[in-house]
């Protein structure tokens, strides 16, 4: 997994088959994993989790900030719900 993340290129998409693949990690570690994927310019796609990244990329100003914050919140909720 770490080698794959190291090889990621901007614009690539990492597909997690299910959210529980990520939620097995403690929440802070799962968030760091997602952040490391995003830091490479890649995106994480999980079936059943809304992805607002395309909308956020096209938005400007406050709308962009709100969409990015909502995306983070939705992903954190999905991680937490998968753990419960």
Protein backbone atom coordinates (compact mmCIF):
# COMPACT_ATOMS: atom_id res chain seq x y z
CA UNK A 1 0.00 0.00 0.00
CA UNK A 2 2.77 2.44 0.91
CA UNK A 3 4.60 1.63 -2.33
CA UNK A 4 1.41 2.23 -4.32
CA UNK A 5 0.90 5.58 -2.59
CA UNK A 6 4.52 6.45 -3.30
CA UNK A 7 4.00 5.71 -7.01
CA UNK A 8 0.79 7.75 -7.34
CA UNK A 9 0.69 10.51 -9.92
CA UNK A 10 -1.49 13.64 -9.85
CA UNK A 11 -4.96 12.96 -11.22
CA UNK A 12 -4.93 9.22 -10.52
CA UNK A 13 -7.77 7.56 -8.61
CA UNK A 14 -7.36 4.96 -5.87
CA UNK A 15 -10.45 2.79 -5.57
CA UNK A 16 -11.20 1.17 -2.23
CA UNK A 17 -13.65 -1.68 -2.76
CA UNK A 18 -15.45 -0.91 0.51
CA UNK A 19 -15.13 1.74 3.19
CA UNK A 20 -14.35 -0.97 5.76
CA UNK A 21 -11.00 -1.52 4.04
CA UNK A 22 -10.00 1.90 5.35
CA UNK A 23 -12.08 2.00 8.53
CA UNK A 24 -10.20 -0.97 10.00
CA UNK A 25 -7.49 1.52 10.88
CA UNK A 26 -7.90 3.82 13.88
CA UNK A 27 -9.60 7.02 12.69
CA UNK A 28 -6.48 9.24 12.89
CA UNK A 29 -4.48 6.68 10.86
CA UNK A 30 -7.26 6.37 8.29
CA UNK A 31 -7.34 10.14 7.92
CA UNK A 32 -3.54 10.22 7.49
CA UNK A 33 -3.80 7.50 4.83
CA UNK A 34 -6.38 9.53 2.90
CA UNK A 35 -4.29 12.69 3.33
CA UNK A 36 -1.20 10.93 1.95
CA UNK A 37 -3.16 9.90 -1.16
CA UNK A 38 -4.48 13.43 -1.62
CA UNK A 39 -1.03 14.94 -1.03
CA UNK A 40 0.15 13.08 -4.13
CA UNK A 41 -2.59 14.80 -6.15
CA UNK A 42 -4.62 11.60 -6.38
CA UNK A 43 -8.18 10.95 -5.32
CA UNK A 44 -9.72 8.19 -3.21
CA UNK A 45 -12.96 6.74 -4.56
CA UNK A 46 -15.14 4.54 -2.37
CA UNK A 47 -18.46 3.17 -3.64
CA UNK A 48 -21.29 4.61 -1.58
CA UNK A 49 -19.35 7.68 -0.44
CA UNK A 50 -20.29 10.92 -2.16
CA UNK A 51 -17.38 12.52 -4.02
CA UNK A 52 -17.60 16.29 -4.37
CA UNK A 53 -14.02 16.75 -5.56
CA UNK A 54 -14.98 17.55 -9.17
CA UNK A 55 -17.45 20.20 -8.01
CA UNK A 56 -14.93 21.63 -5.57
CA UNK A 57 -12.26 21.80 -8.28
CA UNK A 58 -14.55 23.92 -10.47
CA UNK A 59 -15.80 26.13 -7.64
CA UNK A 60 -14.22 29.35 -6.44
CA UNK A 61 -14.10 31.32 -3.23
CA UNK A 62 -16.45 30.41 -0.41
CA UNK A 63 -18.20 27.72 -2.46
CA UNK A 64 -14.89 25.89 -2.93
CA UNK A 65 -14.11 26.08 0.78
CA UNK A 66 -17.58 24.81 1.72
CA UNK A 67 -17.50 21.92 -0.78
CA UNK A 68 -14.06 20.82 0.40
CA UNK A 69 -15.17 20.95 4.05
CA UNK A 70 -18.36 18.99 3.30
CA UNK A 71 -16.30 16.36 1.44
CA UNK A 72 -14.02 15.91 4.45
CA UNK A 73 -17.00 15.71 6.80
CA UNK A 74 -18.81 13.11 4.64
CA UNK A 75 -15.72 10.94 4.47
CA UNK A 76 -15.15 11.15 8.23
CA UNK A 77 -18.80 10.24 8.83
CA UNK A 78 -18.50 7.26 6.48
CA UNK A 79 -15.36 6.08 8.28
CA UNK A 80 -16.98 6.41 11.68
CA UNK A 81 -20.23 4.73 10.61
CA UNK A 82 -18.29 1.80 9.14
CA UNK A 83 -16.52 1.36 12.48
CA UNK A 84 -19.77 1.35 14.51
